[in-house]
């Protein structure tokens, strides 16, 4: 099952996004990689799907947990949540870059 999650589009999108975030990269170092077993649920049925997963990640300077929530419709994933919590400081960093009004 974890291989299914690892090869899934949501997992790959999340790892790509975390490695593109300069702030997170400054904290954890490069490269940021998965570190352990993912938790949560990932489901597909026809062209629809949903993901609610957490992925332990690490870099040379630290560890964190990456969280992702999203849905798939017509082969396209849309994420409502994607954030990382830095283990050492409990800081939460939004990877989707939404501006709060």
PDB file of N, CA and C in Angstrom:
ATOM      1  N   UNK A   1       0.821  -1.205   0.000  1.00  0.00           N
ATOM      2  CA  UNK A   1       0.000   0.000   0.000  1.00  0.00           C
ATOM      3  C   UNK A   1       0.864   1.267   0.000  1.00  0.00           C
ATOM      4  N   UNK A   2       1.952   1.269   0.773  1.00  0.00           N
ATOM      5  CA  UNK A   2       2.767   2.490   0.823  1.00  0.00           C
ATOM      6  C   UNK A   2       3.410   2.778  -0.527  1.00  0.00           C
ATOM      7  N   UNK A   3       3.676   1.724  -1.312  1.00  0.00           N
ATOM      8  CA  UNK A   3       4.225   1.946  -2.648  1.00  0.00           C
ATOM      9  C   UNK A   3       3.199   2.635  -3.536  1.00  0.00           C
ATOM     10  N   UNK A   4       1.933   2.248  -3.384  1.00  0.00           N
ATOM     11  CA  UNK A   4       0.857   2.907  -4.119  1.00  0.00           C
ATOM     12  C   UNK A   4       0.817   4.389  -3.795  1.00  0.00           C
ATOM     13  N   UNK A   5       0.919   4.713  -2.507  1.00  0.00           N
ATOM     14  CA  UNK A   5       0.900   6.123  -2.091  1.00  0.00           C
ATOM     15  C   UNK A   5       2.134   6.841  -2.616  1.00  0.00           C
ATOM     16  N   UNK A   6       3.306   6.218  -2.499  1.00  0.00           N
ATOM     17  CA  UNK A   6       4.553   6.833  -2.945  1.00  0.00           C
ATOM     18  C   UNK A   6       4.519   7.169  -4.427  1.00  0.00           C
ATOM     19  N   UNK A   7       3.915   6.313  -5.217  1.00  0.00           N
ATOM     20  CA  UNK A   7       3.865   6.536  -6.661  1.00  0.00           C
ATOM     21  C   UNK A   7       2.656   7.352  -7.090  1.00  0.00           C
ATOM     22  N   UNK A   8       1.809   7.737  -6.131  1.00  0.00           N
ATOM     23  CA  UNK A   8       0.598   8.482  -6.467  1.00  0.00           C
ATOM     24  C   UNK A   8       0.923   9.926  -6.840  1.00  0.00           C
ATOM     25  N   UNK A   9       0.049  10.506  -7.637  1.00  0.00           N
ATOM     26  CA  UNK A   9       0.203  11.907  -8.027  1.00  0.00           C
ATOM     27  C   UNK A   9       0.213  12.832  -6.812  1.00  0.00           C
ATOM     28  N   UNK A  10      -0.693  12.674  -5.832  1.00  0.00           N
ATOM     29  CA  UNK A  10      -0.649  13.584  -4.667  1.00  0.00           C
ATOM     30  C   UNK A  10       0.683  13.531  -3.930  1.00  0.00           C
ATOM     31  N   UNK A  11       1.220  12.336  -3.732  1.00  0.00           N
ATOM     32  CA  UNK A  11       2.507  12.196  -3.043  1.00  0.00           C
ATOM     33  C   UNK A  11       3.604  12.900  -3.834  1.00  0.00           C
ATOM     34  N   UNK A  12       3.657  12.653  -5.137  1.00  0.00           N
ATOM     35  CA  UNK A  12       4.694  13.269  -5.976  1.00  0.00           C
ATOM     36  C   UNK A  12       4.540  14.782  -6.024  1.00  0.00           C
ATOM     37  N   UNK A  13       3.281  15.263  -6.113  1.00  0.00           N
ATOM     38  CA  UNK A  13       3.042  16.717  -6.113  1.00  0.00           C
ATOM     39  C   UNK A  13       3.522  17.353  -4.814  1.00  0.00           C
ATOM     40  N   UNK A  14       3.249  16.687  -3.691  1.00  0.00           N
ATOM     41  CA  UNK A  14       3.627  17.232  -2.384  1.00  0.00           C
ATOM     42  C   UNK A  14       5.145  17.296  -2.227  1.00  0.00           C
ATOM     43  N   UNK A  15       5.843  16.236  -2.630  1.00  0.00           N
ATOM     44  CA  UNK A  15       7.306  16.224  -2.521  1.00  0.00           C
ATOM     45  C   UNK A  15       7.919  17.284  -3.433  1.00  0.00           C
ATOM     46  N   UNK A  16       7.353  17.449  -4.628  1.00  0.00           N
ATOM     47  CA  UNK A  16       7.844  18.479  -5.547  1.00  0.00           C
ATOM     48  C   UNK A  16       7.635  19.866  -4.922  1.00  0.00           C
ATOM     49  N   UNK A  17       6.438  20.084  -4.368  1.00  0.00           N
ATOM     50  CA  UNK A  17       6.099  21.388  -3.792  1.00  0.00           C
ATOM     51  C   UNK A  17       7.001  21.736  -2.603  1.00  0.00           C
ATOM     52  N   UNK A  18       7.265  20.760  -1.735  1.00  0.00           N
ATOM     53  CA  UNK A  18       8.090  21.037  -0.553  1.00  0.00           C
ATOM     54  C   UNK A  18       9.528  21.367  -0.974  1.00  0.00           C
ATOM     55  N   UNK A  19      10.028  20.728  -2.034  1.00  0.00           N
ATOM     56  CA  UNK A  19      11.379  21.003  -2.499  1.00  0.00           C
ATOM     57  C   UNK A  19      11.485  22.329  -3.254  1.00  0.00           C
ATOM     58  N   UNK A  20      10.335  22.895  -3.654  1.00  0.00           N
ATOM     59  CA  UNK A  20      10.331  24.195  -4.346  1.00  0.00           C
ATOM     60  C   UNK A  20      10.140  25.350  -3.374  1.00  0.00           C
ATOM     61  N   UNK A  21       9.805  25.061  -2.125  1.00  0.00           N
ATOM     62  CA  UNK A  21       9.538  26.116  -1.150  1.00  0.00           C
ATOM     63  C   UNK A  21      10.846  26.541  -0.486  1.00  0.00           C
ATOM     64  N   UNK A  22      11.321  27.736  -0.834  1.00  0.00           N
ATOM     65  CA  UNK A  22      12.634  28.196  -0.350  1.00  0.00           C
ATOM     66  C   UNK A  22      12.702  28.261   1.169  1.00  0.00           C
ATOM     67  N   UNK A  23      11.611  28.671   1.801  1.00  0.00           N
ATOM     68  CA  UNK A  23      11.589  28.802   3.259  1.00  0.00           C
ATOM     69  C   UNK A  23      11.786  27.440   3.921  1.00  0.00           C
ATOM     70  N   UNK A  24      11.046  26.441   3.444  1.00  0.00           N
ATOM     71  CA  UNK A  24      11.157  25.092   4.004  1.00  0.00           C
ATOM     72  C   UNK A  24      12.543  24.512   3.712  1.00  0.00           C
ATOM     73  N   UNK A  25      13.040  24.720   2.501  1.00  0.00           N
ATOM     74  CA  UNK A  25      14.370  24.220   2.131  1.00  0.00           C
ATOM     75  C   UNK A  25      15.437  24.845   3.025  1.00  0.00           C
ATOM     76  N   UNK A  26      15.289  26.132   3.362  1.00  0.00           N
ATOM     77  CA  UNK A  26      16.245  26.788   4.268  1.00  0.00           C
ATOM     78  C   UNK A  26      16.248  26.142   5.648  1.00  0.00           C
ATOM     79  N   UNK A  27      15.074  25.700   6.103  1.00  0.00           N
ATOM     80  CA  UNK A  27      14.970  25.095   7.430  1.00  0.00           C
ATOM     81  C   UNK A  27      15.483  23.656   7.425  1.00  0.00           C
ATOM     82  N   UNK A  28      15.060  22.855   6.435  1.00  0.00           N
ATOM     83  CA  UNK A  28      15.371  21.426   6.428  1.00  0.00           C
ATOM     84  C   UNK A  28      16.636  21.075   5.646  1.00  0.00           C
ATOM     85  N   UNK A  29      17.062  21.956   4.732  1.00  0.00           N
ATOM     86  CA  UNK A  29      18.210  21.655   3.881  1.00  0.00           C
ATOM     87  C   UNK A  29      17.771  20.878   2.642  1.00  0.00           C
ATOM     88  N   UNK A  30      18.716  20.654   1.744  1.00  0.00           N
ATOM     89  CA  UNK A  30      18.424  19.930   0.499  1.00  0.00           C
ATOM     90  C   UNK A  30      19.265  18.671   0.427  1.00  0.00           C
ATOM     91  N   UNK A  31      18.768  17.603  -0.154  1.00  0.00           N
ATOM     92  CA  UNK A  31      17.405  17.436  -0.657  1.00  0.00           C
ATOM     93  C   UNK A  31      16.464  17.055   0.476  1.00  0.00           C
ATOM     94  N   UNK A  32      15.180  17.344   0.280  1.00  0.00           N
ATOM     95  CA  UNK A  32      14.153  16.904   1.220  1.00  0.00           C
ATOM     96  C   UNK A  32      13.585  15.599   0.676  1.00  0.00           C
ATOM     97  N   UNK A  33      13.586  14.582   1.524  1.00  0.00           N
ATOM     98  CA  UNK A  33      13.153  13.249   1.103  1.00  0.00           C
ATOM     99  C   UNK A  33      12.139  12.697   2.084  1.00  0.00           C
ATOM    100  N   UNK A  34      11.393  11.677   1.642  1.00  0.00           N
ATOM    101  CA  UNK A  34      10.477  11.011   2.563  1.00  0.00           C
ATOM    102  C   UNK A  34      11.301  10.239   3.583  1.00  0.00           C
ATOM    103  N   UNK A  35      10.741  10.087   4.781  1.00  0.00           N
ATOM    104  CA  UNK A  35      11.472   9.465   5.880  1.00  0.00           C
ATOM    105  C   UNK A  35      10.532   8.602   6.716  1.00  0.00           C
ATOM    106  N   UNK A  36      10.166   7.458   6.187  1.00  0.00           N
ATOM    107  CA  UNK A  36       9.306   6.577   6.963  1.00  0.00           C
ATOM    108  C   UNK A  36       7.996   6.289   6.266  1.00  0.00           C
ATOM    109  N   UNK A  37       7.087   5.764   7.040  1.00  0.00           N
ATOM    110  CA  UNK A  37       5.825   5.281   6.493  1.00  0.00           C
ATOM    111  C   UNK A  37       4.769   6.378   6.523  1.00  0.00           C
ATOM    112  N   UNK A  38       4.080   6.519   5.388  1.00  0.00           N
ATOM    113  CA  UNK A  38       3.018   7.497   5.278  1.00  0.00           C
ATOM    114  C   UNK A  38       1.763   6.991   5.961  1.00  0.00           C
ATOM    115  N   UNK A  39       0.936   7.910   6.435  1.00  0.00           N
ATOM    116  CA  UNK A  39      -0.349   7.570   7.044  1.00  0.00           C
ATOM    117  C   UNK A  39      -1.458   8.267   6.278  1.00  0.00           C
ATOM    118  N   UNK A  40      -2.677   7.751   6.442  1.00  0.00           N
ATOM    119  CA  UNK A  40      -3.824   8.416   5.842  1.00  0.00           C
ATOM    120  C   UNK A  40      -4.537   7.545   4.850  1.00  0.00           C
ATOM    121  N   UNK A  41      -5.321   8.195   3.987  1.00  0.00           N
ATOM    122  CA  UNK A  41      -6.098   7.449   3.009  1.00  0.00           C
ATOM    123  C   UNK A  41      -5.950   8.066   1.625  1.00  0.00           C
ATOM    124  N   UNK A  42      -5.996   7.197   0.647  1.00  0.00           N
ATOM    125  CA  UNK A  42      -5.892   7.594  -0.744  1.00  0.00           C
ATOM    126  C   UNK A  42      -6.828   6.677  -1.498  1.00  0.00           C
ATOM    127  N   UNK A  43      -7.794   7.243  -2.238  1.00  0.00           N
ATOM    128  CA  UNK A  43      -8.732   6.384  -2.954  1.00  0.00           C
ATOM    129  C   UNK A  43      -8.994   6.906  -4.354  1.00  0.00           C
ATOM    130  N   UNK A  44      -9.218   5.980  -5.268  1.00  0.00           N
ATOM    131  CA  UNK A  44      -9.548   6.281  -6.652  1.00  0.00           C
ATOM    132  C   UNK A  44     -10.750   5.445  -7.054  1.00  0.00           C
ATOM    133  N   UNK A  45     -11.634   6.034  -7.792  1.00  0.00           N
ATOM    134  CA  UNK A  45     -12.718   5.268  -8.390  1.00  0.00           C
ATOM    135  C   UNK A  45     -13.086   5.975  -9.685  1.00  0.00           C
ATOM    136  N   UNK A  46     -12.903   5.266 -10.793  1.00  0.00           N
ATOM    137  CA  UNK A  46     -13.100   5.848 -12.119  1.00  0.00           C
ATOM    138  C   UNK A  46     -12.209   7.084 -12.246  1.00  0.00           C
ATOM    139  N   UNK A  47     -12.764   8.249 -12.555  1.00  0.00           N
ATOM    140  CA  UNK A  47     -11.921   9.438 -12.718  1.00  0.00           C
ATOM    141  C   UNK A  47     -11.950  10.333 -11.486  1.00  0.00           C
ATOM    142  N   UNK A  48     -12.496   9.820 -10.376  1.00  0.00           N
ATOM    143  CA  UNK A  48     -12.572  10.604  -9.145  1.00  0.00           C
ATOM    144  C   UNK A  48     -11.661   9.996  -8.092  1.00  0.00           C
ATOM    145  N   UNK A  49     -11.254  10.824  -7.145  1.00  0.00           N
ATOM    146  CA  UNK A  49     -10.422  10.307  -6.073  1.00  0.00           C
ATOM    147  C   UNK A  49     -10.333  11.281  -4.923  1.00  0.00           C
ATOM    148  N   UNK A  50      -9.732  10.800  -3.835  1.00  0.00           N
ATOM    149  CA  UNK A  50      -9.504  11.680  -2.696  1.00  0.00           C
ATOM    150  C   UNK A  50      -8.228  11.249  -1.992  1.00  0.00           C
ATOM    151  N   UNK A  51      -7.585  12.217  -1.365  1.00  0.00           N
ATOM    152  CA  UNK A  51      -6.348  11.956  -0.633  1.00  0.00           C
ATOM    153  C   UNK A  51      -6.389  12.731   0.674  1.00  0.00           C
ATOM    154  N   UNK A  52      -5.963  12.073   1.727  1.00  0.00           N
ATOM    155  CA  UNK A  52      -5.792  12.712   3.032  1.00  0.00           C
ATOM    156  C   UNK A  52      -4.622  11.980   3.674  1.00  0.00           C
ATOM    157  N   UNK A  53      -3.414  12.467   3.407  1.00  0.00           N
ATOM    158  CA  UNK A  53      -2.225  11.727   3.824  1.00  0.00           C
ATOM    159  C   UNK A  53      -1.240  12.620   4.577  1.00  0.00           C
ATOM    160  N   UNK A  54      -0.422  11.982   5.400  1.00  0.00           N
ATOM    161  CA  UNK A  54       0.698  12.656   6.047  1.00  0.00           C
ATOM    162  C   UNK A  54       1.960  11.880   5.696  1.00  0.00           C
ATOM    163  N   UNK A  55       3.006  12.614   5.406  1.00  0.00           N
ATOM    164  CA  UNK A  55       4.257  12.026   4.940  1.00  0.00           C
ATOM    165  C   UNK A  55       5.394  12.551   5.805  1.00  0.00           C
ATOM    166  N   UNK A  56       6.101  11.664   6.524  1.00  0.00           N
ATOM    167  CA  UNK A  56       7.286  12.140   7.251  1.00  0.00           C
ATOM    168  C   UNK A  56       8.382  12.478   6.233  1.00  0.00           C
ATOM    169  N   UNK A  57       9.008  13.628   6.400  1.00  0.00           N
ATOM    170  CA  UNK A  57      10.080  14.055   5.497  1.00  0.00           C
ATOM    171  C   UNK A  57      11.288  14.504   6.309  1.00  0.00           C
ATOM    172  N   UNK A  58      12.449  14.512   5.643  1.00  0.00           N
ATOM    173  CA  UNK A  58      13.660  14.986   6.319  1.00  0.00           C
ATOM    174  C   UNK A  58      14.600  15.605   5.302  1.00  0.00           C
ATOM    175  N   UNK A  59      15.413  16.508   5.823  1.00  0.00           N
ATOM    176  CA  UNK A  59      16.502  17.085   5.063  1.00  0.00           C
ATOM    177  C   UNK A  59      17.746  16.974   5.929  1.00  0.00           C
ATOM    178  N   UNK A  60      18.878  17.419   5.413  1.00  0.00           N
ATOM    179  CA  UNK A  60      20.111  17.335   6.200  1.00  0.00           C
ATOM    180  C   UNK A  60      20.052  18.108   7.523  1.00  0.00           C
ATOM    181  N   UNK A  61      19.184  19.139   7.614  1.00  0.00           N
ATOM    182  CA  UNK A  61      19.138  19.973   8.809  1.00  0.00           C
ATOM    183  C   UNK A  61      17.972  19.705   9.735  1.00  0.00           C
ATOM    184  N   UNK A  62      17.028  18.840   9.336  1.00  0.00           N
ATOM    185  CA  UNK A  62      15.883  18.624  10.211  1.00  0.00           C
ATOM    186  C   UNK A  62      14.827  17.719   9.628  1.00  0.00           C
ATOM    187  N   UNK A  63      13.778  17.512  10.439  1.00  0.00           N
ATOM    188  CA  UNK A  63      12.675  16.640  10.052  1.00  0.00           C
ATOM    189  C   UNK A  63      11.363  17.385  10.164  1.00  0.00           C
ATOM    190  N   UNK A  64      10.367  16.896   9.418  1.00  0.00           N
ATOM    191  CA  UNK A  64       9.052  17.527   9.428  1.00  0.00           C
ATOM    192  C   UNK A  64       8.010  16.504   9.001  1.00  0.00           C
ATOM    193  N   UNK A  65       6.763  16.914   9.080  1.00  0.00           N
ATOM    194  CA  UNK A  65       5.683  16.079   8.578  1.00  0.00           C
ATOM    195  C   UNK A  65       4.906  16.900   7.559  1.00  0.00           C
ATOM    196  N   UNK A  66       4.667  16.302   6.412  1.00  0.00           N
ATOM    197  CA  UNK A  66       3.972  16.948   5.304  1.00  0.00           C
ATOM    198  C   UNK A  66       2.545  16.423   5.264  1.00  0.00           C
ATOM    199  N   UNK A  67       1.573  17.330   5.248  1.00  0.00           N
ATOM    200  CA  UNK A  67       0.159  16.954   5.229  1.00  0.00           C
ATOM    201  C   UNK A  67      -0.472  17.420   3.927  1.00  0.00           C
ATOM    202  N   UNK A  68      -1.383  16.586   3.411  1.00  0.00           N
ATOM    203  CA  UNK A  68      -2.009  16.895   2.138  1.00  0.00           C
ATOM    204  C   UNK A  68      -3.455  16.406   2.146  1.00  0.00           C
ATOM    205  N   UNK A  69      -4.368  17.257   1.693  1.00  0.00           N
ATOM    206  CA  UNK A  69      -5.763  16.888   1.509  1.00  0.00           C
ATOM    207  C   UNK A  69      -6.172  17.367   0.130  1.00  0.00           C
ATOM    208  N   UNK A  70      -6.784  16.476  -0.653  1.00  0.00           N
ATOM    209  CA  UNK A  70      -7.192  16.875  -1.986  1.00  0.00           C
ATOM    210  C   UNK A  70      -8.210  15.933  -2.586  1.00  0.00           C
ATOM    211  N   UNK A  71      -8.752  16.361  -3.720  1.00  0.00           N
ATOM    212  CA  UNK A  71      -9.717  15.546  -4.450  1.00  0.00           C
ATOM    213  C   UNK A  71      -9.337  15.514  -5.923  1.00  0.00           C
ATOM    214  N   UNK A  72      -9.769  14.442  -6.576  1.00  0.00           N
ATOM    215  CA  UNK A  72      -9.486  14.276  -7.995  1.00  0.00           C
ATOM    216  C   UNK A  72     -10.809  14.207  -8.745  1.00  0.00           C
ATOM    217  N   UNK A  73     -10.933  15.017  -9.771  1.00  0.00           N
ATOM    218  CA  UNK A  73     -12.116  15.005 -10.614  1.00  0.00           C
ATOM    219  C   UNK A  73     -11.658  15.137 -12.053  1.00  0.00           C
ATOM    220  N   UNK A  74     -12.149  14.277 -12.921  1.00  0.00           N
ATOM    221  CA  UNK A  74     -11.769  14.285 -14.334  1.00  0.00           C
ATOM    222  C   UNK A  74     -10.255  14.262 -14.517  1.00  0.00           C
ATOM    223  N   UNK A  75      -9.596  13.370 -13.791  1.00  0.00           N
ATOM    224  CA  UNK A  75      -8.139  13.173 -13.889  1.00  0.00           C
ATOM    225  C   UNK A  75      -7.312  14.341 -13.367  1.00  0.00           C
ATOM    226  N   UNK A  76      -7.920  15.335 -12.729  1.00  0.00           N
ATOM    227  CA  UNK A  76      -7.200  16.518 -12.238  1.00  0.00           C
ATOM    228  C   UNK A  76      -7.279  16.589 -10.712  1.00  0.00           C
ATOM    229  N   UNK A  77      -6.114  16.667 -10.047  1.00  0.00           N
ATOM    230  CA  UNK A  77      -6.084  16.791  -8.585  1.00  0.00           C
ATOM    231  C   UNK A  77      -6.187  18.258  -8.181  1.00  0.00           C
ATOM    232  N   UNK A  78      -6.988  18.519  -7.163  1.00  0.00           N
ATOM    233  CA  UNK A  78      -7.106  19.843  -6.558  1.00  0.00           C
ATOM    234  C   UNK A  78      -6.850  19.677  -5.066  1.00  0.00           C
ATOM    235  N   UNK A  79      -5.936  20.484  -4.530  1.00  0.00           N
ATOM    236  CA  UNK A  79      -5.559  20.350  -3.120  1.00  0.00           C
ATOM    237  C   UNK A  79      -6.187  21.467  -2.308  1.00  0.00           C
ATOM    238  N   UNK A  80      -6.846  21.084  -1.214  1.00  0.00           N
ATOM    239  CA  UNK A  80      -7.435  22.080  -0.319  1.00  0.00           C
ATOM    240  C   UNK A  80      -6.491  22.393   0.829  1.00  0.00           C
ATOM    241  N   UNK A  81      -5.615  21.437   1.145  1.00  0.00           N
ATOM    242  CA  UNK A  81      -4.604  21.655   2.178  1.00  0.00           C
ATOM    243  C   UNK A  81      -3.306  20.997   1.757  1.00  0.00           C
ATOM    244  N   UNK A  82      -2.215  21.695   1.944  1.00  0.00           N
ATOM    245  CA  UNK A  82      -0.880  21.121   1.772  1.00  0.00           C
ATOM    246  C   UNK A  82       0.048  21.965   2.629  1.00  0.00           C
ATOM    247  N   UNK A  83       0.491  21.375   3.717  1.00  0.00           N
ATOM    248  CA  UNK A  83       1.347  22.126   4.628  1.00  0.00           C
ATOM    249  C   UNK A  83       2.336  21.192   5.301  1.00  0.00           C
ATOM    250  N   UNK A  84       3.357  21.804   5.867  1.00  0.00           N
ATOM    251  CA  UNK A  84       4.391  21.045   6.559  1.00  0.00           C
ATOM    252  C   UNK A  84       4.499  21.581   7.982  1.00  0.00           C
ATOM    253  N   UNK A  85       4.720  20.670   8.925  1.00  0.00           N
ATOM    254  CA  UNK A  85       4.967  21.081  10.312  1.00  0.00           C
ATOM    255  C   UNK A  85       6.395  20.671  10.653  1.00  0.00           C
ATOM    256  N   UNK A  86       7.223  21.661  10.993  1.00  0.00           N
ATOM    257  CA  UNK A  86       8.625  21.433  11.319  1.00  0.00           C
ATOM    258  C   UNK A  86       8.691  20.778  12.700  1.00  0.00           C
ATOM    259  N   UNK A  87       9.345  19.636  12.782  1.00  0.00           N
ATOM    260  CA  UNK A  87       9.365  18.864  14.032  1.00  0.00           C
ATOM    261  C   UNK A  87       9.981  19.643  15.189  1.00  0.00           C
ATOM    262  N   UNK A  88      11.095  20.290  14.945  1.00  0.00           N
ATOM    263  CA  UNK A  88      11.840  20.947  16.022  1.00  0.00           C
ATOM    264  C   UNK A  88      11.091  22.123  16.646  1.00  0.00           C
ATOM    265  N   UNK A  89      10.343  22.874  15.818  1.00  0.00           N
ATOM    266  CA  UNK A  89       9.718  24.106  16.303  1.00  0.00           C
ATOM    267  C   UNK A  89       8.188  24.068  16.306  1.00  0.00           C
ATOM    268  N   UNK A  90       7.581  23.036  15.726  1.00  0.00           N
ATOM    269  CA  UNK A  90       6.127  22.945  15.556  1.00  0.00           C
ATOM    270  C   UNK A  90       5.574  24.043  14.650  1.00  0.00           C
ATOM    271  N   UNK A  91       6.436  24.701  13.886  1.00  0.00           N
ATOM    272  CA  UNK A  91       5.976  25.729  12.954  1.00  0.00           C
ATOM    273  C   UNK A  91       5.213  25.077  11.813  1.00  0.00           C
ATOM    274  N   UNK A  92       4.060  25.658  11.465  1.00  0.00           N
ATOM    275  CA  UNK A  92       3.268  25.164  10.341  1.00  0.00           C
ATOM    276  C   UNK A  92       3.453  26.096   9.151  1.00  0.00           C
ATOM    277  N   UNK A  93       3.798  25.530   8.003  1.00  0.00           N
ATOM    278  CA  UNK A  93       4.067  26.321   6.806  1.00  0.00           C
ATOM    279  C   UNK A  93       3.132  25.846   5.690  1.00  0.00           C
ATOM    280  N   UNK A  94       2.320  26.771   5.187  1.00  0.00           N
ATOM    281  CA  UNK A  94       1.370  26.461   4.113  1.00  0.00           C
ATOM    282  C   UNK A  94       2.118  26.416   2.778  1.00  0.00           C
ATOM    283  N   UNK A  95       2.036  25.281   2.089  1.00  0.00           N
ATOM    284  CA  UNK A  95       2.724  25.136   0.805  1.00  0.00           C
ATOM    285  C   UNK A  95       1.869  25.586  -0.373  1.00  0.00           C
ATOM    286  N   UNK A  96       0.602  25.857  -0.152  1.00  0.00           N
ATOM    287  CA  UNK A  96      -0.262  26.282  -1.234  1.00  0.00           C
ATOM    288  C   UNK A  96      -0.188  27.785  -1.473  1.00  0.00           C
ATOM    289  N   UNK A  97       0.355  28.505  -0.498  1.00  0.00           N
ATOM    290  CA  UNK A  97       0.588  29.937  -0.674  1.00  0.00           C
ATOM    291  C   UNK A  97      -0.665  30.790  -0.705  1.00  0.00           C
ATOM    292  N   UNK A  98      -1.726  30.329  -0.017  1.00  0.00           N
ATOM    293  CA  UNK A  98      -2.932  31.151   0.018  1.00  0.00           C
ATOM    294  C   UNK A  98      -2.692  32.375   0.880  1.00  0.00           C
ATOM    295  N   UNK A  99      -3.192  33.494   0.396  1.00  0.00           N
ATOM    296  CA  UNK A  99      -3.108  34.722   1.178  1.00  0.00           C
ATOM    297  C   UNK A  99      -4.349  34.786   2.072  1.00  0.00           C
ATOM    298  N   UNK A 100      -4.161  35.058   3.342  1.00  0.00           N
ATOM    299  CA  UNK A 100      -5.321  35.228   4.209  1.00  0.00           C
ATOM    300  C   UNK A 100      -5.721  36.688   4.189  1.00  0.00           C
ATOM    301  N   UNK A 101      -7.010  36.959   3.953  1.00  0.00           N
ATOM    302  CA  UNK A 101      -7.457  38.363   3.833  1.00  0.00           C
ATOM    303  C   UNK A 101      -7.349  39.134   5.126  1.00  0.00           C
TER     304      UNK A 101
END
